[in-house]
Amino acid sequence: MHHPHPMPPWMFVLDGTFLGFLGNELTPATHLTLDVEQEHIPIKLPSNFQHTRPQWLQPGVQIRCIGRSQLDTQAKMLKLNAYQVFSLPSHASS
């Protein structure tokens, strides 16, 4: 599928099932866990989500995360930072 405005290589768009927040309830959550094709992916939350968790963001909800990926050369891993998190419409399986 052709996208009229290709994204830069450091940007990402991931759709998946929201599994929950990383951390405990005493501190603001800085990361969420997204299930994408049976792989659990930690994604850093946008700052507006870190202090106020939206009511619609509940485990099992289908979401889309758009953000920036960054290679951590010391840890040799890719870090994902979300700029935006959206709920996706749920589809009944046919």
N, C-alpha and C. Protein backbone atom coordinates (compact mmCIF):
# COMPACT_ATOMS: atom_id res chain seq x y z
N MET A 1 0.84 -1.18 0.00
CA MET A 1 0.00 0.00 0.00
C MET A 1 0.88 1.24 0.00
N HIS A 2 0.60 2.17 -0.85
CA HIS A 2 1.38 3.38 -0.99
C HIS A 2 0.88 4.44 -0.02
N HIS A 3 1.81 4.99 0.77
CA HIS A 3 1.47 6.08 1.68
C HIS A 3 1.85 7.39 1.02
N PRO A 4 0.93 8.37 0.97
CA PRO A 4 1.24 9.63 0.30
C PRO A 4 2.37 10.40 0.98
N HIS A 5 2.52 10.23 2.29
CA HIS A 5 3.58 10.91 3.02
C HIS A 5 4.38 9.87 3.80
N PRO A 6 5.45 9.33 3.20
CA PRO A 6 6.22 8.31 3.90
C PRO A 6 6.82 8.88 5.19
N MET A 7 6.89 8.03 6.21
CA MET A 7 7.43 8.47 7.49
C MET A 7 8.95 8.35 7.48
N PRO A 8 9.61 9.19 8.25
CA PRO A 8 11.06 9.03 8.41
C PRO A 8 11.35 7.68 9.07
N PRO A 9 12.53 7.12 8.85
CA PRO A 9 12.83 5.77 9.35
C PRO A 9 12.82 5.66 10.88
N TRP A 10 12.96 6.75 11.60
CA TRP A 10 12.98 6.68 13.07
C TRP A 10 11.58 6.75 13.68
N MET A 11 10.58 6.96 12.87
CA MET A 11 9.20 7.01 13.37
C MET A 11 8.58 5.61 13.34
N PHE A 12 7.61 5.37 14.23
CA PHE A 12 6.90 4.09 14.23
C PHE A 12 5.41 4.32 14.43
N VAL A 13 4.63 3.38 13.91
CA VAL A 13 3.19 3.30 14.15
C VAL A 13 2.93 1.84 14.48
N LEU A 14 2.45 1.58 15.71
CA LEU A 14 2.16 0.22 16.13
C LEU A 14 0.73 0.11 16.61
N ASP A 15 0.02 -0.89 16.10
CA ASP A 15 -1.33 -1.21 16.55
C ASP A 15 -1.25 -2.50 17.34
N GLY A 16 -1.95 -2.55 18.47
CA GLY A 16 -1.95 -3.76 19.26
C GLY A 16 -2.91 -3.68 20.42
N THR A 17 -2.79 -4.65 21.31
CA THR A 17 -3.65 -4.72 22.49
C THR A 17 -2.91 -4.16 23.69
N PHE A 18 -3.52 -3.20 24.37
CA PHE A 18 -2.94 -2.62 25.57
C PHE A 18 -3.00 -3.65 26.68
N LEU A 19 -1.83 -3.96 27.28
CA LEU A 19 -1.77 -4.96 28.34
C LEU A 19 -1.74 -4.33 29.73
N GLY A 20 -1.20 -3.13 29.84
CA GLY A 20 -1.12 -2.47 31.14
C GLY A 20 0.05 -1.51 31.20
N PHE A 21 0.19 -0.91 32.37
CA PHE A 21 1.28 0.03 32.61
C PHE A 21 2.41 -0.69 33.33
N LEU A 22 3.64 -0.25 33.09
CA LEU A 22 4.79 -0.79 33.81
C LEU A 22 5.00 0.06 35.06
N GLY A 23 5.33 -0.57 36.16
CA GLY A 23 5.56 0.16 37.41
C GLY A 23 4.48 -0.16 38.42
N ASN A 24 4.42 0.67 39.47
CA ASN A 24 3.43 0.44 40.51
C ASN A 24 2.49 1.64 40.60
N GLU A 25 1.48 1.52 41.45
CA GLU A 25 0.46 2.57 41.53
C GLU A 25 0.91 3.78 42.34
N LEU A 26 2.05 3.69 43.03
CA LEU A 26 2.53 4.80 43.86
C LEU A 26 3.27 5.86 43.04
N THR A 27 3.78 5.47 41.89
CA THR A 27 4.51 6.42 41.05
C THR A 27 3.81 6.54 39.70
N PRO A 28 3.95 7.69 39.04
CA PRO A 28 3.34 7.82 37.71
C PRO A 28 3.94 6.80 36.74
N ALA A 29 3.08 6.19 35.95
CA ALA A 29 3.55 5.22 34.94
C ALA A 29 4.28 5.97 33.84
N THR A 30 5.42 5.47 33.45
CA THR A 30 6.17 6.08 32.36
C THR A 30 6.12 5.23 31.09
N HIS A 31 5.71 3.96 31.22
CA HIS A 31 5.67 3.04 30.08
C HIS A 31 4.39 2.23 30.09
N LEU A 32 3.96 1.84 28.89
CA LEU A 32 2.88 0.88 28.75
C LEU A 32 3.43 -0.35 28.05
N THR A 33 2.69 -1.44 28.13
CA THR A 33 3.06 -2.65 27.41
C THR A 33 1.99 -2.92 26.36
N LEU A 34 2.45 -3.13 25.12
CA LEU A 34 1.57 -3.36 23.99
C LEU A 34 1.83 -4.76 23.45
N ASP A 35 0.76 -5.52 23.22
CA ASP A 35 0.87 -6.85 22.61
C ASP A 35 0.69 -6.68 21.11
N VAL A 36 1.77 -6.91 20.37
CA VAL A 36 1.74 -6.82 18.91
C VAL A 36 2.18 -8.18 18.38
N GLU A 37 1.24 -8.90 17.76
CA GLU A 37 1.52 -10.22 17.19
C GLU A 37 2.19 -11.13 18.22
N GLN A 38 1.63 -11.18 19.42
CA GLN A 38 2.07 -12.03 20.53
C GLN A 38 3.45 -11.68 21.06
N GLU A 39 3.91 -10.46 20.81
CA GLU A 39 5.15 -9.98 21.40
C GLU A 39 4.81 -8.79 22.28
N HIS A 40 5.30 -8.80 23.52
CA HIS A 40 5.02 -7.72 24.47
C HIS A 40 6.09 -6.64 24.31
N ILE A 41 5.65 -5.43 23.95
CA ILE A 41 6.56 -4.34 23.63
C ILE A 41 6.37 -3.20 24.61
N PRO A 42 7.44 -2.81 25.35
CA PRO A 42 7.33 -1.64 26.23
C PRO A 42 7.49 -0.36 25.41
N ILE A 43 6.62 0.61 25.66
CA ILE A 43 6.66 1.89 24.95
C ILE A 43 6.55 3.00 25.99
N LYS A 44 7.46 3.97 25.90
CA LYS A 44 7.40 5.11 26.82
C LYS A 44 6.19 5.96 26.48
N LEU A 45 5.44 6.33 27.51
CA LEU A 45 4.22 7.13 27.33
C LEU A 45 4.53 8.58 27.03
N PRO A 46 3.64 9.25 26.29
CA PRO A 46 3.77 10.70 26.16
C PRO A 46 3.58 11.34 27.54
N SER A 47 4.19 12.49 27.76
CA SER A 47 4.16 13.11 29.09
C SER A 47 2.75 13.38 29.59
N ASN A 48 1.80 13.70 28.70
CA ASN A 48 0.43 13.97 29.16
C ASN A 48 -0.26 12.72 29.69
N PHE A 49 0.23 11.52 29.38
CA PHE A 49 -0.35 10.27 29.87
C PHE A 49 0.32 9.81 31.16
N GLN A 50 1.51 10.35 31.47
CA GLN A 50 2.26 9.85 32.62
C GLN A 50 1.62 10.25 33.95
N HIS A 51 0.96 11.37 34.01
CA HIS A 51 0.37 11.83 35.26
C HIS A 51 -1.13 11.63 35.31
N THR A 52 -1.79 11.63 34.17
CA THR A 52 -3.23 11.44 34.11
C THR A 52 -3.53 10.30 33.14
N ARG A 53 -3.94 9.18 33.68
CA ARG A 53 -4.25 8.02 32.83
C ARG A 53 -5.67 8.15 32.32
N PRO A 54 -5.85 8.13 31.00
CA PRO A 54 -7.20 8.23 30.44
C PRO A 54 -8.07 7.05 30.88
N GLN A 55 -9.34 7.32 31.14
CA GLN A 55 -10.27 6.28 31.59
C GLN A 55 -10.45 5.18 30.54
N TRP A 56 -10.38 5.53 29.26
CA TRP A 56 -10.60 4.54 28.20
C TRP A 56 -9.44 3.57 28.06
N LEU A 57 -8.28 3.91 28.63
CA LEU A 57 -7.09 3.07 28.47
C LEU A 57 -7.10 1.96 29.52
N GLN A 58 -7.76 0.86 29.17
CA GLN A 58 -7.92 -0.30 30.04
C GLN A 58 -7.32 -1.52 29.35
N PRO A 59 -6.80 -2.48 30.12
CA PRO A 59 -6.25 -3.69 29.51
C PRO A 59 -7.26 -4.35 28.57
N GLY A 60 -6.76 -4.76 27.41
CA GLY A 60 -7.60 -5.41 26.40
C GLY A 60 -8.05 -4.48 25.29
N VAL A 61 -7.91 -3.17 25.49
CA VAL A 61 -8.33 -2.19 24.48
C VAL A 61 -7.33 -2.19 23.33
N GLN A 62 -7.83 -2.11 22.10
CA GLN A 62 -6.98 -2.00 20.92
C GLN A 62 -6.54 -0.54 20.78
N ILE A 63 -5.22 -0.32 20.68
CA ILE A 63 -4.70 1.04 20.58
C ILE A 63 -3.68 1.16 19.45
N ARG A 64 -3.43 2.39 19.08
CA ARG A 64 -2.37 2.73 18.11
C ARG A 64 -1.41 3.69 18.80
N CYS A 65 -0.13 3.38 18.72
CA CYS A 65 0.91 4.25 19.26
C CYS A 65 1.73 4.79 18.09
N ILE A 66 1.94 6.09 18.09
CA ILE A 66 2.76 6.75 17.08
C ILE A 66 3.89 7.44 17.82
N GLY A 67 5.10 7.25 17.35
CA GLY A 67 6.21 7.87 18.05
C GLY A 67 7.53 7.72 17.34
N ARG A 68 8.58 7.81 18.15
CA ARG A 68 9.94 7.81 17.63
C ARG A 68 10.71 6.63 18.24
N SER A 69 11.47 5.97 17.41
CA SER A 69 12.34 4.90 17.90
C SER A 69 13.76 5.45 18.00
N GLN A 70 14.49 4.93 18.99
CA GLN A 70 15.86 5.39 19.19
C GLN A 70 16.70 4.20 19.61
N LEU A 71 17.85 4.04 18.98
CA LEU A 71 18.74 2.93 19.30
C LEU A 71 19.60 3.30 20.49
N ASP A 72 19.53 2.49 21.54
CA ASP A 72 20.40 2.63 22.70
C ASP A 72 21.61 1.75 22.43
N THR A 73 22.72 2.37 22.02
CA THR A 73 23.89 1.60 21.60
C THR A 73 24.56 0.88 22.77
N GLN A 74 24.49 1.44 23.98
CA GLN A 74 25.10 0.77 25.14
C GLN A 74 24.32 -0.48 25.51
N ALA A 75 22.99 -0.38 25.55
CA ALA A 75 22.16 -1.53 25.90
C ALA A 75 21.88 -2.43 24.70
N LYS A 76 22.23 -1.95 23.51
CA LYS A 76 22.00 -2.67 22.26
C LYS A 76 20.53 -3.06 22.11
N MET A 77 19.67 -2.06 22.30
CA MET A 77 18.23 -2.29 22.14
C MET A 77 17.57 -1.05 21.58
N LEU A 78 16.40 -1.25 21.01
CA LEU A 78 15.62 -0.16 20.44
C LEU A 78 14.63 0.34 21.48
N LYS A 79 14.62 1.64 21.72
CA LYS A 79 13.67 2.24 22.66
C LYS A 79 12.59 2.94 21.86
N LEU A 80 11.34 2.77 22.29
CA LEU A 80 10.20 3.38 21.61
C LEU A 80 9.57 4.42 22.53
N ASN A 81 9.43 5.65 22.02
CA ASN A 81 8.81 6.75 22.75
C ASN A 81 7.57 7.19 21.99
N ALA A 82 6.41 7.04 22.62
CA ALA A 82 5.15 7.41 21.96
C ALA A 82 4.94 8.92 22.04
N TYR A 83 4.51 9.50 20.94
CA TYR A 83 4.07 10.90 20.92
C TYR A 83 2.57 10.97 21.13
N GLN A 84 1.86 9.97 20.57
CA GLN A 84 0.41 9.94 20.67
C GLN A 84 -0.06 8.50 20.85
N VAL A 85 -1.15 8.34 21.60
CA VAL A 85 -1.79 7.04 21.80
C VAL A 85 -3.27 7.22 21.54
N PHE A 86 -3.82 6.40 20.64
CA PHE A 86 -5.23 6.48 20.25
C PHE A 86 -5.92 5.15 20.52
N SER A 87 -7.21 5.20 20.82
CA SER A 87 -7.98 3.96 20.87
C SER A 87 -8.43 3.64 19.45
N LEU A 88 -8.49 2.36 19.14
CA LEU A 88 -8.94 1.91 17.82
C LEU A 88 -10.33 1.31 17.98
N PRO A 89 -11.16 1.43 16.94
CA PRO A 89 -12.49 0.81 17.03
C PRO A 89 -12.34 -0.70 17.14
N SER A 90 -13.18 -1.31 17.96
CA SER A 90 -13.13 -2.77 18.09
C SER A 90 -13.94 -3.38 16.96
N HIS A 91 -13.44 -4.47 16.42
CA HIS A 91 -14.10 -5.16 15.31
C HIS A 91 -14.51 -6.54 15.78
N ALA A 92 -15.73 -6.91 15.51
CA ALA A 92 -16.19 -8.26 15.83
C ALA A 92 -15.57 -9.22 14.82
N SER A 93 -15.10 -10.35 15.30
CA SER A 93 -14.52 -11.31 14.36
C SER A 93 -15.62 -11.97 13.55
N SER A 94 -15.33 -12.19 12.26
CA SER A 94 -16.35 -12.77 11.39
C SER A 94 -16.07 -14.21 11.09
